[in-house]
Protein backbone atom coordinates (compact mmCIF):
# COMPACT_ATOMS: atom_id res chain seq x y z
CA MET A 1 40.09 -59.92 -35.53
CA MET A 2 40.56 -58.01 -32.38
CA THR A 3 43.19 -58.90 -29.97
CA GLY A 4 42.76 -58.76 -26.25
CA LEU A 5 44.67 -55.50 -26.05
CA GLN A 6 42.49 -53.89 -28.69
CA THR A 7 39.37 -55.03 -26.87
CA LEU A 8 40.69 -53.63 -23.63
CA GLY A 9 41.52 -50.32 -25.37
CA LEU A 10 38.04 -50.15 -26.88
CA ALA A 11 36.44 -50.91 -23.49
CA LEU A 12 38.63 -48.23 -21.89
CA ALA A 13 37.67 -45.69 -24.56
CA LEU A 14 33.97 -46.50 -24.12
CA SER A 15 34.36 -46.21 -20.35
CA VAL A 16 36.07 -42.81 -20.64
CA ALA A 17 33.34 -41.57 -23.02
CA ALA A 18 30.56 -42.82 -20.74
CA ASN A 19 32.24 -41.28 -17.68
CA GLY A 20 32.61 -37.97 -19.57
CA ALA A 21 28.94 -38.00 -20.53
CA LEU A 22 27.90 -38.86 -16.95
CA GLY A 23 30.18 -36.10 -15.60
CA ALA A 24 28.67 -33.56 -17.99
CA ALA A 25 25.16 -34.66 -17.04
CA TRP A 26 26.03 -34.44 -13.34
CA LEU A 27 27.48 -30.93 -13.78
CA HIS A 28 24.38 -29.83 -15.68
CA ALA A 29 22.10 -31.24 -12.97
CA ARG A 30 24.21 -29.59 -10.24
CA ASP A 31 24.09 -26.22 -12.02
CA ALA A 32 20.33 -26.52 -12.49
CA ALA A 33 19.85 -27.37 -8.81
CA THR A 34 22.03 -24.42 -7.76
CA ARG A 35 20.12 -22.07 -10.07
CA THR A 36 16.78 -23.37 -8.79
CA THR A 37 17.90 -22.95 -5.18
CA GLY A 38 18.97 -19.38 -5.91
CA GLU A 39 15.66 -18.62 -7.61
CA ARG A 40 13.78 -20.11 -4.65
CA ASP A 41 15.75 -18.00 -2.18
CA SER A 42 15.18 -14.90 -4.30
CA ALA A 43 11.44 -15.62 -4.47
CA ARG A 44 11.32 -16.06 -0.70
CA ALA A 45 13.13 -12.76 -0.18
CA ASP A 46 10.78 -11.01 -2.62
CA ALA A 47 7.73 -12.50 -0.91
CA SER A 48 9.02 -11.43 2.49
CA ALA A 49 9.68 -7.89 1.24
CA CYS A 50 6.20 -7.79 -0.30
CA SER A 51 4.65 -8.98 2.94
CA ASP A 52 6.57 -6.36 4.92
CA ALA A 53 5.49 -3.63 2.49
CA ALA A 54 1.86 -4.79 2.70
CA GLN A 55 2.04 -4.61 6.50
CA ASP A 56 3.54 -1.11 6.29
CA LEU A 57 0.67 -0.08 4.03
CA ARG A 58 -1.84 -1.59 6.47
CA ASP A 59 -0.26 0.40 9.33
CA LEU A 60 -0.39 3.57 7.22
CA ALA A 61 -4.03 2.94 6.30
CA ASP A 62 -4.93 2.34 9.95
CA GLY A 63 -3.30 5.63 10.94
CA ARG A 64 -5.11 7.48 8.18
CA GLU A 65 -8.37 5.89 9.24
CA ARG A 66 -7.89 7.08 12.83
CA ARG A 67 -7.08 10.62 11.66
CA ALA A 68 -10.03 10.61 9.25
CA LYS A 69 -12.44 9.50 11.96
CA THR A 70 -11.19 12.29 14.23
CA ALA A 71 -11.56 14.83 11.41
CA GLN A 72 -15.05 13.53 10.61
CA ALA A 73 -16.09 13.80 14.25
CA ASN A 74 -14.76 17.37 14.42
CA ALA A 75 -16.53 18.27 11.17
CA ALA A 76 -19.78 16.75 12.44
CA GLU A 77 -19.53 18.80 15.64
CA LEU A 78 -18.87 21.95 13.63
CA ARG A 79 -21.79 21.11 11.34
CA ARG A 80 -24.12 20.70 14.32
CA GLY A 81 -23.09 24.12 15.61
CA LYS A 82 -23.66 25.69 12.19
CA GLU A 83 -27.07 23.99 11.94
CA VAL A 84 -28.07 25.46 15.31
CA LEU A 85 -26.90 28.89 14.18
CA ALA A 86 -28.77 28.52 10.88
CA GLN A 87 -31.96 27.56 12.71
CA ILE A 88 -31.59 30.60 14.97
CA ILE A 89 -31.06 32.86 11.96
CA LEU A 90 -33.97 31.34 10.05
CA SER A 91 -36.33 31.48 13.02
CA THR A 92 -35.46 35.07 13.98
CA PRO A 93 -38.03 37.50 12.61
CA PRO A 94 -36.69 40.29 10.38
CA ALA A 95 -35.45 43.37 12.22
CA VAL A 96 -37.26 45.61 9.76
CA PRO A 97 -40.41 43.82 8.54
CA GLY A 98 -40.94 44.19 4.82
CA ASP A 99 -37.38 45.44 4.10
CA ALA A 100 -34.96 42.54 3.62
CA CYS A 101 -32.01 44.85 2.92
CA ALA A 102 -32.49 46.88 6.10
CA SER A 103 -32.99 43.65 8.08
CA ALA A 104 -29.75 42.24 6.66
CA GLN A 105 -27.92 45.47 7.49
CA ALA A 106 -29.23 45.34 11.07
CA ARG A 107 -28.12 41.70 11.38
CA VAL A 108 -24.61 42.53 10.04
CA ASP A 109 -24.35 45.51 12.39
CA ALA A 110 -25.24 43.29 15.34
CA TRP A 111 -22.71 40.71 14.21
CA VAL A 112 -19.94 43.31 13.82
CA LYS A 113 -20.80 44.79 17.22
CA GLY A 114 -20.60 41.28 18.76
CA ARG A 115 -17.17 40.71 17.19
CA ALA A 116 -15.82 44.01 18.46
CA ALA A 117 -16.95 43.34 22.04
CA PRO A 118 -14.17 42.07 24.34
């Protein structure tokens, strides 16, 4: 039979074991909460960096769009000028009717003369 002192010793041993198990469980839960908090903070930082990078890309794209529109407008203006010149060339009768080579030479001579003029 168990004496009172043995019962008390057994109860104390069970209490120490239970407290050890509860302490280990609490430490595990605390470590898991700390790890989760760290992961959350890291995810927030990553999301913020991603958002900042996306905004930087949007700013870059907007700048490129502005430059592209300016370049397109300049190219369209240049195209219109070339179209006018092409229409003038196509509508001008040959300088030497019946001789395409002589007409081309006359056109080149006129062009060179126009370039040399001050």
